[in-house]
């Protein structure tokens, strides 16, 4: 079942002119705080390139599917690179 849910997301991205650049399946892990009476979740990190409109469509698709507890979308432009400290 988990693989089907992951495939739904990646297929949606690629069918809408997006490109999946990284898929990191982390598996079942504990959730820091109980969420909808669950204390574990299946974690998948998916990095992709797409038009900005696709991101909102994907988020809405995930929100409407009862099998997903939560999603988090982080725009790569909003991530500051780590600073290298020389010794």
Protein backbone atom coordinates (compact mmCIF):
# COMPACT_ATOMS: atom_id res chain seq x y z
CA UNK A 1 0.00 0.00 0.00
CA UNK A 2 2.82 2.43 0.87
CA UNK A 3 4.42 1.96 -2.54
CA UNK A 4 1.09 2.71 -4.25
CA UNK A 5 0.78 5.99 -2.36
CA UNK A 6 4.34 6.96 -3.25
CA UNK A 7 3.71 6.05 -6.89
CA UNK A 8 0.58 8.25 -6.94
CA UNK A 9 2.65 11.28 -6.00
CA UNK A 10 5.55 10.64 -8.36
CA UNK A 11 3.20 9.79 -11.25
CA UNK A 12 1.21 12.98 -10.66
CA UNK A 13 4.43 15.01 -10.77
CA UNK A 14 5.78 13.42 -13.95
CA UNK A 15 2.42 13.45 -15.77
CA UNK A 16 2.22 17.20 -15.16
CA UNK A 17 5.60 18.09 -16.68
CA UNK A 18 7.50 17.81 -13.42
CA UNK A 19 10.68 15.86 -12.76
CA UNK A 20 11.42 13.80 -9.65
CA UNK A 21 15.09 14.33 -8.78
CA UNK A 22 15.26 12.39 -5.49
CA UNK A 23 13.04 9.80 -3.84
CA UNK A 24 14.16 8.80 -0.35
CA UNK A 25 11.89 6.19 1.25
CA UNK A 26 12.62 6.34 4.98
CA UNK A 27 9.93 3.86 6.01
CA UNK A 28 7.96 3.69 9.26
CA UNK A 29 9.13 6.06 11.98
CA UNK A 30 7.80 7.46 15.21
CA UNK A 31 5.97 10.78 15.01
CA UNK A 32 7.19 13.39 17.51
CA UNK A 33 3.63 14.25 18.57
CA UNK A 34 0.49 12.15 18.16
CA UNK A 35 -1.32 13.11 14.97
CA UNK A 36 -4.91 12.05 14.31
CA UNK A 37 -4.45 9.33 16.98
CA UNK A 38 -1.37 7.94 15.20
CA UNK A 39 2.07 7.76 16.77
CA UNK A 40 3.91 6.35 13.74
CA UNK A 41 4.01 7.33 10.10
CA UNK A 42 5.56 6.21 6.81
CA UNK A 43 8.03 8.86 5.70
CA UNK A 44 9.05 9.61 2.11
CA UNK A 45 11.21 12.51 0.96
CA UNK A 46 10.58 13.52 -2.63
CA UNK A 47 12.53 16.30 -4.31
CA UNK A 48 11.18 17.49 -7.63
CA UNK A 49 11.19 20.31 -10.15
CA UNK A 50 7.85 21.62 -11.38
CA UNK A 51 5.83 24.67 -12.29
CA UNK A 52 4.68 26.60 -9.20
CA UNK A 53 1.03 25.79 -9.95
CA UNK A 54 1.75 22.07 -9.69
CA UNK A 55 2.84 22.43 -6.07
CA UNK A 56 -0.56 23.70 -4.94
CA UNK A 57 -2.34 21.05 -7.02
CA UNK A 58 -0.20 18.33 -5.41
CA UNK A 59 -0.80 19.66 -1.90
CA UNK A 60 -4.55 19.69 -2.52
CA UNK A 61 -4.46 16.14 -3.91
CA UNK A 62 -2.64 14.93 -0.80
CA UNK A 63 -4.97 16.83 1.57
CA UNK A 64 -8.03 15.19 0.00
CA UNK A 65 -6.65 11.64 0.28
CA UNK A 66 -7.40 10.08 3.67
CA UNK A 67 -4.29 7.87 3.52
CA UNK A 68 -1.91 10.80 3.96
CA UNK A 69 -1.54 12.28 7.45
CA UNK A 70 0.49 15.31 6.48
CA UNK A 71 2.66 16.83 3.77
CA UNK A 72 5.39 19.38 3.92
CA UNK A 73 6.55 21.28 0.86
CA UNK A 74 9.72 23.33 1.14
CA UNK A 75 10.85 25.48 -1.76
CA UNK A 76 14.51 24.98 -2.49
CA UNK A 77 15.02 28.74 -2.92
CA UNK A 78 13.97 29.19 0.71
CA UNK A 79 16.74 26.94 2.06
CA UNK A 80 19.90 28.77 2.97
CA UNK A 81 23.11 26.87 2.26
CA UNK A 82 25.22 25.79 5.22
CA UNK A 83 28.17 28.03 5.91
CA UNK A 84 31.54 26.33 5.97
CA UNK A 85 33.57 27.20 9.03
CA UNK A 86 37.29 26.92 8.45
CA UNK A 87 39.46 25.84 11.37
